[in-house]
Amino acid sequence: MSTVYLKRKITPRVVNGHPWVFANEVEKIEGEVQAGDIVELYTHDKKFVGKGYINPKSQILVRLLTRNKADIINDDYFTERIRQCWEYRKKIGYTENCRLVFGEADSLPQLIIDKFNDYFVIQTLALGIDVWKPALVKAINTVFQPKGIYERNDVPVRELEGLSQQKGFLSAPFDTNIVINENGLRFHVDIENGQKTGYFLDQQDNRRAIRHIVKDAEVLGAFTYTGTFEIHAAHYGAKSVLGLDISANAVTQANRNAELNGVQDRCRFETANAFDVLKQWGKEGRQYDVVMLDPPAFTKSRETIQKAITGYKEINLRGMKLVRPGGFLVTSSCTNLVHPELFLQTIDMAAKDARRRIRQVTFQAQASDHPIIWGMENTNYLKFLIVQVL
């Protein structure tokens, strides 16, 4: 096994728990390495740090898997890690649908596995974990006996690792249009063509948080995707719910979800550009008891953070103007580069510009099956806020 030595000044960050080692943080490498190999990592003074996979083509040269020198990285290692991930999810109450593996937060860097009842979706976003894909499939089959496994590696970030984008079955073929249960409701999930892995599990806890504020309310939702927040609102007793999304396919699936749950009489979805519509309706003086905003990530790079902040401020300002005095704004951001404090500052700026006072009802992160590791900012990415707009 080849050995990687850290530069002296970099040692504390990695020794204190961060699993990434950048190429410019390495003093030297002893031995020949191939992309995807398992290597041992040491401090500049030859103290063992951990074992991980290396990729000379990536800016992140080494991603650590374990800090236990006795661990042998083989098929059995990954089976045991998957088993541990499952035991943890069960202990915190996620037994049907969950993010089974959340990358670095589960000491499996750049691996995502979502569990939709008896179906599993895998993303291997770095070369080092991609080479273990057969072992991961074997582990899922050993621990779960699933009905199907699907690969959703159609994501551009793989290209930074020298990997191609691809998707397809990792098991016998199956119908990739499935139905899952969440909070007493049912939702269609398109594993093959839906966004990300087909469904946003990270908001499943937050969708319950609206249950009191939407009762007997007129509700507007923007960036609805397949309508999960809006259908929860109807289920929790909203008088009427209108959802907007720019994707006609998403709107079609959202209306199907409304019918699936028997709320189509009070909950409907329309294809529209939310940015334009909210601005126009604000000028027209339309108002709702609850406005819900769940936009996509506005940036994926540090260079465009300011642009993202401007976008979040504008969309929340428009949302607030549509809320009746005493009503509620429900708003989210999934941009991990916009940290929680900055997101709250942005909402505060939007309120001032809208000339509305707000008071916080709740501020939450992603569902607990997506664990947050202190010191790893990318694990604390989702911001979910409910405020009363006065």
Protein backbone atom coordinates (compact mmCIF):
# COMPACT_ATOMS: atom_id res chain seq x y z
CA MET A 1 0.00 0.00 0.00
CA SER A 2 1.39 3.40 -0.96
CA THR A 3 1.88 6.10 1.64
CA VAL A 4 0.91 9.78 1.50
CA TYR A 5 2.52 12.35 3.83
CA LEU A 6 0.89 15.64 4.76
CA LYS A 7 2.64 18.99 4.89
CA ARG A 8 3.28 20.22 8.41
CA LYS A 9 0.90 23.22 8.33
CA ILE A 10 -2.02 21.15 7.00
CA THR A 11 -1.86 18.42 9.62
CA PRO A 12 -4.27 19.84 12.27
CA ARG A 13 -7.29 20.19 9.96
CA VAL A 14 -7.10 16.63 8.68
CA VAL A 15 -6.05 15.12 12.02
CA ASN A 16 -9.01 16.85 13.69
CA GLY A 17 -11.50 15.02 11.50
CA HIS A 18 -11.82 16.44 8.00
CA PRO A 19 -11.74 13.60 5.42
CA TRP A 20 -10.46 15.58 2.42
CA VAL A 21 -6.81 16.02 1.53
CA PHE A 22 -6.13 18.46 -1.31
CA ALA A 23 -3.24 17.92 -3.70
CA ASN A 24 -1.43 21.06 -2.49
CA GLU A 25 -1.54 19.77 1.10
CA VAL A 26 0.64 16.75 0.39
CA GLU A 27 4.39 16.76 1.07
CA LYS A 28 5.23 13.51 -0.73
CA ILE A 29 3.91 10.14 -1.87
CA GLU A 30 5.92 6.95 -1.37
CA GLY A 31 5.19 4.16 -3.85
CA GLU A 32 3.41 4.00 -7.18
CA VAL A 33 -0.27 4.93 -7.12
CA GLN A 34 -3.09 4.34 -9.57
CA ALA A 35 -6.27 6.41 -9.52
CA GLY A 36 -8.71 4.70 -7.17
CA ASP A 37 -6.08 2.91 -5.06
CA ILE A 38 -6.37 2.70 -1.28
CA VAL A 39 -3.48 4.54 0.40
CA GLU A 40 -2.34 5.19 3.95
CA LEU A 41 -2.13 8.79 5.13
CA TYR A 42 0.46 10.02 7.63
CA THR A 43 1.39 13.33 9.19
CA HIS A 44 4.64 15.04 8.25
CA ASP A 45 6.26 13.35 11.27
CA LYS A 46 5.02 9.88 10.28
CA LYS A 47 2.02 9.48 12.59
CA PHE A 48 -0.83 7.42 11.11
CA VAL A 49 -3.94 9.42 10.16
CA GLY A 50 -6.10 7.04 8.14
CA LYS A 51 -6.78 5.10 4.97
CA GLY A 52 -8.61 6.37 1.94
CA TYR A 53 -8.78 6.42 -1.81
CA ILE A 54 -6.54 8.50 -4.02
CA ASN A 55 -7.14 10.16 -7.38
CA PRO A 56 -4.24 12.16 -8.88
CA LYS A 57 -6.66 13.63 -11.44
CA SER A 58 -8.76 15.32 -8.73
CA GLN A 59 -8.08 18.48 -6.72
CA ILE A 60 -9.08 16.41 -3.68
CA LEU A 61 -6.21 13.94 -3.84
CA VAL A 62 -7.24 11.66 -0.95
CA ARG A 63 -10.64 11.04 0.65
CA LEU A 64 -10.43 9.21 3.96
CA LEU A 65 -12.54 6.12 4.68
CA THR A 66 -11.23 5.11 8.10
CA ARG A 67 -8.87 6.23 10.84
CA ASN A 68 -8.44 2.70 12.15
CA LYS A 69 -5.14 1.22 10.96
CA ALA A 70 -6.46 -2.32 11.48
CA ASP A 71 -9.31 -1.89 8.99
CA ILE A 72 -8.89 -3.85 5.77
CA ILE A 73 -10.66 -2.17 2.85
CA ASN A 74 -12.40 -4.98 0.98
CA ASP A 75 -15.92 -6.12 0.06
CA ASP A 76 -16.66 -7.13 3.66
CA TYR A 77 -15.64 -3.66 4.86
CA PHE A 78 -18.32 -2.02 2.72
CA THR A 79 -20.96 -4.57 3.74
CA GLU A 80 -20.29 -3.78 7.39
CA ARG A 81 -20.38 -0.01 6.74
CA ILE A 82 -23.73 -0.31 4.95
CA ARG A 83 -25.05 -2.39 7.83
CA GLN A 84 -23.93 0.26 10.33
CA CYS A 85 -25.59 3.01 8.27
CA TRP A 86 -28.85 1.06 8.30
CA GLU A 87 -28.70 0.41 12.06
CA TYR A 88 -28.21 4.14 12.66
CA ARG A 89 -31.20 5.09 10.48
CA LYS A 90 -33.43 2.59 12.26
CA LYS A 91 -32.36 3.93 15.66
CA ILE A 92 -33.43 7.47 14.73
CA GLY A 93 -36.73 6.33 13.22
CA TYR A 94 -36.17 5.98 9.45
CA THR A 95 -37.30 2.52 8.47
CA GLU A 96 -39.05 2.93 5.12
CA ASN A 97 -37.60 5.79 3.05
CA CYS A 98 -34.30 7.38 3.94
CA ARG A 99 -30.90 8.52 2.81
CA LEU A 100 -29.10 5.34 3.77
CA VAL A 101 -25.63 6.75 3.04
CA PHE A 102 -24.83 10.46 3.13
CA GLY A 103 -21.26 10.54 1.88
CA GLU A 104 -18.72 12.09 4.23
CA ALA A 105 -21.24 12.16 7.09
CA ASP A 106 -21.21 8.34 7.01
CA SER A 107 -17.46 8.01 6.41
CA LEU A 108 -18.10 6.91 2.83
CA PRO A 109 -16.93 9.99 0.88
CA GLN A 110 -18.91 10.89 -2.23
CA LEU A 111 -21.29 7.94 -1.90
CA ILE A 112 -25.03 8.57 -1.88
CA ILE A 113 -27.53 5.76 -1.39
CA ASP A 114 -31.24 6.52 -1.12
CA LYS A 115 -33.65 3.85 0.08
CA PHE A 116 -37.19 4.00 -1.28
CA ASN A 117 -38.80 1.14 0.61
CA ASP A 118 -37.42 -1.94 -1.23
CA TYR A 119 -35.69 0.02 -4.01
CA PHE A 120 -32.26 1.64 -3.84
CA VAL A 121 -30.63 4.43 -5.84
CA ILE A 122 -26.84 4.82 -5.85
CA GLN A 123 -24.59 7.73 -6.75
CA THR A 124 -20.81 7.21 -6.76
CA LEU A 125 -19.46 10.71 -7.25
CA ALA A 126 -15.71 10.09 -6.91
CA LEU A 127 -13.46 7.60 -8.67
CA GLY A 128 -12.31 6.08 -5.38
CA ILE A 129 -15.83 4.95 -4.46
CA ASP A 130 -16.88 4.22 -8.03
CA VAL A 131 -14.40 1.35 -8.28
CA TRP A 132 -16.16 -0.29 -5.32
CA LYS A 133 -19.59 -0.18 -6.97
CA PRO A 134 -19.79 -4.00 -7.32
CA ALA A 135 -18.99 -4.32 -3.61
CA LEU A 136 -21.70 -1.79 -2.76
CA VAL A 137 -24.29 -3.67 -4.82
CA LYS A 138 -23.24 -6.86 -3.08
CA ALA A 139 -23.57 -5.16 0.31
CA ILE A 140 -27.09 -3.89 -0.43
CA ASN A 141 -28.14 -7.34 -1.58
CA THR A 142 -26.65 -8.90 1.56
CA VAL A 143 -28.22 -6.47 4.05
CA PHE A 144 -31.62 -5.85 2.40
CA GLN A 145 -32.58 -8.34 -0.34
CA PRO A 146 -33.95 -5.42 -2.40
CA LYS A 147 -36.46 -5.48 -5.24
CA GLY A 148 -34.18 -3.31 -7.35
CA ILE A 149 -31.01 -1.16 -7.46
CA TYR A 150 -30.55 1.74 -9.87
CA GLU A 151 -27.56 3.96 -10.63
CA ARG A 152 -28.10 7.72 -11.01
CA ASN A 153 -24.62 8.82 -11.96
CA ASP A 154 -25.88 11.29 -14.56
CA VAL A 155 -24.27 14.20 -12.67
CA PRO A 156 -21.58 16.60 -13.99
CA VAL A 157 -19.48 16.48 -10.79
CA ARG A 158 -18.25 13.02 -11.81
CA GLU A 159 -16.38 14.56 -14.71
CA LEU A 160 -14.10 16.40 -12.25
CA GLU A 161 -12.93 12.92 -11.21
CA GLY A 162 -12.38 11.73 -14.78
CA LEU A 163 -15.62 9.72 -14.71
CA SER A 164 -18.37 9.64 -17.32
CA GLN A 165 -22.01 10.42 -16.63
CA GLN A 166 -24.25 7.36 -16.74
CA LYS A 167 -27.38 5.77 -15.32
CA GLY A 168 -28.98 2.36 -15.44
CA PHE A 169 -29.87 -0.82 -13.57
CA LEU A 170 -27.47 -2.43 -11.11
CA SER A 171 -29.95 -5.27 -10.59
CA ALA A 172 -32.45 -7.07 -12.75
CA PRO A 173 -34.58 -4.42 -14.55
CA PHE A 174 -37.71 -3.20 -12.75
CA ASP A 175 -40.41 -0.57 -13.19
CA THR A 176 -38.66 2.64 -12.12
CA ASN A 177 -41.94 4.45 -11.50
CA ILE A 178 -42.76 3.53 -7.91
CA VAL A 179 -44.99 4.85 -5.13
CA ILE A 180 -43.67 5.61 -1.64
CA ASN A 181 -45.34 6.51 1.66
CA GLU A 182 -44.43 9.66 3.59
CA ASN A 183 -46.17 11.14 6.63
CA GLY A 184 -49.36 9.22 5.85
CA LEU A 185 -49.38 10.33 2.20
CA ARG A 186 -48.34 8.60 -1.03
CA PHE A 187 -46.13 9.95 -3.79
CA HIS A 188 -45.06 8.83 -7.23
CA VAL A 189 -41.28 8.60 -7.59
CA ASP A 190 -39.58 8.46 -10.98
CA ILE A 191 -36.28 6.82 -10.12
CA GLU A 192 -34.95 6.91 -13.67
CA ASN A 193 -35.79 10.47 -14.73
CA GLY A 194 -36.68 12.43 -11.58
CA GLN A 195 -34.35 15.09 -10.19
CA LYS A 196 -31.29 13.90 -8.24
CA THR A 197 -32.18 10.34 -7.15
CA GLY A 198 -35.85 10.78 -8.04
CA TYR A 199 -37.22 12.39 -4.87
CA PHE A 200 -36.13 14.90 -2.22
CA LEU A 201 -36.01 12.89 1.01
CA ASP A 202 -34.17 15.69 2.82
CA GLN A 203 -37.38 17.69 3.36
CA GLN A 204 -39.51 14.84 4.72
CA ASP A 205 -39.29 16.06 8.35
CA ASN A 206 -39.76 19.71 7.35
CA ARG A 207 -42.96 18.91 5.45
CA ARG A 208 -44.54 17.97 8.78
CA ALA A 209 -43.58 21.34 10.24
CA ILE A 210 -46.30 23.16 8.23
CA ARG A 211 -49.20 21.12 9.64
CA HIS A 212 -50.55 23.80 12.01
CA ILE A 213 -50.01 26.99 10.00
CA VAL A 214 -51.82 25.73 6.87
CA LYS A 215 -55.10 24.72 8.52
CA ASP A 216 -58.01 26.57 6.84
CA ALA A 217 -55.47 28.66 4.88
CA GLU A 218 -55.18 29.77 1.28
CA VAL A 219 -51.75 28.49 0.28
CA LEU A 220 -49.42 29.34 -2.60
CA GLY A 221 -46.39 27.20 -3.35
CA ALA A 222 -43.61 28.06 -5.80
CA PHE A 223 -40.89 25.80 -7.19
CA THR A 224 -43.13 22.89 -6.24
CA TYR A 225 -41.39 20.14 -8.25
CA THR A 226 -43.78 17.18 -7.72
CA GLY A 227 -45.94 18.93 -5.14
CA THR A 228 -44.96 17.32 -1.87
CA PHE A 229 -45.21 20.43 0.34
CA GLU A 230 -48.46 21.51 -1.30
CA ILE A 231 -50.09 18.08 -0.94
CA HIS A 232 -49.03 18.00 2.71
CA ALA A 233 -50.70 21.41 3.11
CA ALA A 234 -53.97 20.10 1.63
CA HIS A 235 -53.73 16.99 3.81
CA TYR A 236 -53.25 19.16 6.89
CA GLY A 237 -56.46 21.09 6.21
CA ALA A 238 -55.67 23.97 3.86
CA LYS A 239 -58.74 25.58 2.28
CA SER A 240 -57.04 25.85 -1.14
CA VAL A 241 -53.56 25.19 -2.50
CA LEU A 242 -51.99 26.40 -5.74
CA GLY A 243 -48.54 25.14 -6.77
CA LEU A 244 -46.31 26.62 -9.50
CA ASP A 245 -43.35 25.06 -11.29
CA ILE A 246 -41.59 25.86 -14.55
CA SER A 247 -41.41 22.18 -15.52
CA ALA A 248 -44.52 20.86 -17.26
CA ASN A 249 -43.45 17.30 -16.45
CA ALA A 250 -43.14 18.12 -12.75
CA VAL A 251 -46.59 19.77 -12.78
CA THR A 252 -48.10 16.70 -14.42
CA GLN A 253 -46.61 14.47 -11.74
CA ALA A 254 -47.70 16.88 -8.99
CA ASN A 255 -51.31 16.75 -10.20
CA ARG A 256 -51.04 12.94 -10.29
CA ASN A 257 -49.82 13.02 -6.69
CA ALA A 258 -52.77 15.22 -5.71
CA GLU A 259 -55.16 12.67 -7.24
CA LEU A 260 -53.29 9.79 -5.58
CA ASN A 261 -54.00 11.40 -2.20
CA GLY A 262 -57.56 12.50 -2.97
CA VAL A 263 -56.88 16.23 -2.55
CA GLN A 264 -57.24 17.32 -6.19
CA ASP A 265 -60.38 19.32 -5.33
CA ARG A 266 -58.35 21.68 -3.10
CA CYS A 267 -54.85 21.32 -4.52
CA ARG A 268 -53.86 22.07 -8.11
CA PHE A 269 -50.66 22.81 -9.98
CA GLU A 270 -49.84 25.05 -12.93
CA THR A 271 -46.80 25.48 -15.17
CA ALA A 272 -45.32 28.94 -14.64
CA ASN A 273 -42.06 30.82 -14.15
CA ALA A 274 -42.28 31.57 -10.43
CA PHE A 275 -39.93 34.57 -10.61
CA ASP A 276 -42.16 36.36 -13.12
CA VAL A 277 -45.50 35.30 -11.65
CA LEU A 278 -44.71 36.27 -8.05
CA LYS A 279 -43.55 39.70 -9.18
CA GLN A 280 -46.67 40.25 -11.27
CA TRP A 281 -49.06 39.02 -8.59
CA GLY A 282 -47.37 41.27 -6.04
CA LYS A 283 -48.11 44.25 -8.28
CA GLU A 284 -51.71 43.08 -8.61
CA GLY A 285 -52.10 42.91 -4.83
CA ARG A 286 -52.86 39.20 -4.58
CA GLN A 287 -52.41 37.75 -1.10
CA TYR A 288 -52.32 34.35 0.58
CA ASP A 289 -52.32 33.10 4.15
CA VAL A 290 -49.23 30.96 3.53
CA VAL A 291 -46.58 31.26 0.81
CA MET A 292 -44.10 28.38 0.42
CA LEU A 293 -40.82 28.71 -1.53
CA ASP A 294 -38.52 25.77 -2.24
CA PRO A 295 -36.20 26.95 -5.06
CA PRO A 296 -33.34 24.96 -6.56
CA ALA A 297 -29.75 25.72 -5.62
CA PHE A 298 -28.84 29.14 -6.99
CA THR A 299 -25.09 28.45 -7.05
CA LYS A 300 -22.64 25.56 -7.03
CA SER A 301 -19.46 27.67 -6.91
CA ARG A 302 -18.02 30.21 -4.50
CA GLU A 303 -17.54 32.68 -7.33
CA THR A 304 -21.31 33.15 -7.73
CA ILE A 305 -22.37 33.25 -4.06
CA GLN A 306 -23.29 36.93 -4.28
CA LYS A 307 -25.53 36.19 -7.26
CA ALA A 308 -27.21 33.44 -5.24
CA ILE A 309 -27.79 35.77 -2.29
CA THR A 310 -29.35 38.32 -4.62
CA GLY A 311 -31.62 35.61 -6.00
CA TYR A 312 -32.71 34.37 -2.56
CA LYS A 313 -33.34 37.92 -1.37
CA GLU A 314 -35.45 38.76 -4.43
CA ILE A 315 -37.59 35.63 -4.38
CA ASN A 316 -38.26 35.92 -0.63
CA LEU A 317 -39.07 39.62 -0.92
CA ARG A 318 -41.65 38.79 -3.59
CA GLY A 319 -42.99 35.95 -1.45
CA MET A 320 -43.41 38.17 1.62
CA LYS A 321 -45.34 40.76 -0.35
CA LEU A 322 -47.90 38.06 -1.18
CA VAL A 323 -48.46 37.10 2.47
CA ARG A 324 -51.43 38.60 4.29
CA PRO A 325 -50.46 40.36 7.53
CA GLY A 326 -50.20 37.67 10.19
CA GLY A 327 -49.69 34.94 7.60
CA PHE A 328 -46.63 32.78 7.12
CA LEU A 329 -43.68 32.43 4.76
CA VAL A 330 -42.15 28.96 4.43
CA THR A 331 -38.79 29.13 2.67
CA SER A 332 -35.81 26.90 1.97
CA SER A 333 -32.31 26.95 0.52
CA CYS A 334 -30.38 23.85 -0.51
CA THR A 335 -27.22 25.76 -1.44
CA ASN A 336 -24.53 24.50 0.93
CA LEU A 337 -22.27 27.46 0.04
CA VAL A 338 -24.83 29.81 1.60
CA HIS A 339 -24.35 28.99 5.28
CA PRO A 340 -27.25 29.24 7.77
CA GLU A 341 -26.29 32.63 9.24
CA LEU A 342 -25.96 34.17 5.77
CA PHE A 343 -29.31 32.73 4.73
CA LEU A 344 -31.04 34.28 7.76
CA GLN A 345 -29.35 37.62 7.05
CA THR A 346 -30.67 37.42 3.49
CA ILE A 347 -34.23 36.80 4.69
CA ASP A 348 -33.86 39.73 7.10
CA MET A 349 -32.76 42.00 4.24
CA ALA A 350 -35.73 40.83 2.16
CA ALA A 351 -38.12 41.66 5.00
CA LYS A 352 -36.68 45.15 5.39
CA ASP A 353 -36.97 45.83 1.66
CA ALA A 354 -40.53 44.48 1.66
CA ARG A 355 -41.28 46.74 4.65
CA ARG A 356 -42.60 43.77 6.62
CA ARG A 357 -41.73 42.61 10.12
CA ILE A 358 -41.10 38.92 10.61
CA ARG A 359 -40.83 36.60 13.56
CA GLN A 360 -39.29 33.17 13.45
CA VAL A 361 -41.49 30.14 14.00
CA THR A 362 -38.88 27.46 13.32
CA PHE A 363 -35.50 27.11 11.65
CA GLN A 364 -34.36 23.62 10.75
CA ALA A 365 -31.85 21.74 8.61
CA GLN A 366 -32.34 18.66 6.48
CA ALA A 367 -33.98 15.51 7.81
CA SER A 368 -31.94 13.64 10.40
CA ASP A 369 -31.17 10.75 8.06
CA HIS A 370 -28.80 13.26 6.39
CA PRO A 371 -26.47 13.66 9.41
CA ILE A 372 -24.57 16.88 10.04
CA ILE A 373 -20.90 16.57 11.02
CA TRP A 374 -19.56 19.63 12.80
CA GLY A 375 -16.63 21.07 10.89
CA MET A 376 -17.81 19.66 7.54
CA GLU A 377 -19.81 22.49 6.00
CA ASN A 378 -21.01 20.44 3.05
CA THR A 379 -22.99 18.17 5.40
CA ASN A 380 -25.00 21.13 6.75
CA TYR A 381 -26.54 22.30 3.50
CA LEU A 382 -30.32 22.65 3.82
CA LYS A 383 -31.94 25.64 5.49
CA PHE A 384 -35.68 25.48 6.22
CA LEU A 385 -37.37 28.51 7.76
CA ILE A 386 -40.92 29.41 8.76
CA VAL A 387 -41.59 33.02 9.72
CA GLN A 388 -44.77 34.90 10.50
CA VAL A 389 -45.03 37.98 8.29
CA LEU A 390 -46.53 40.94 10.16
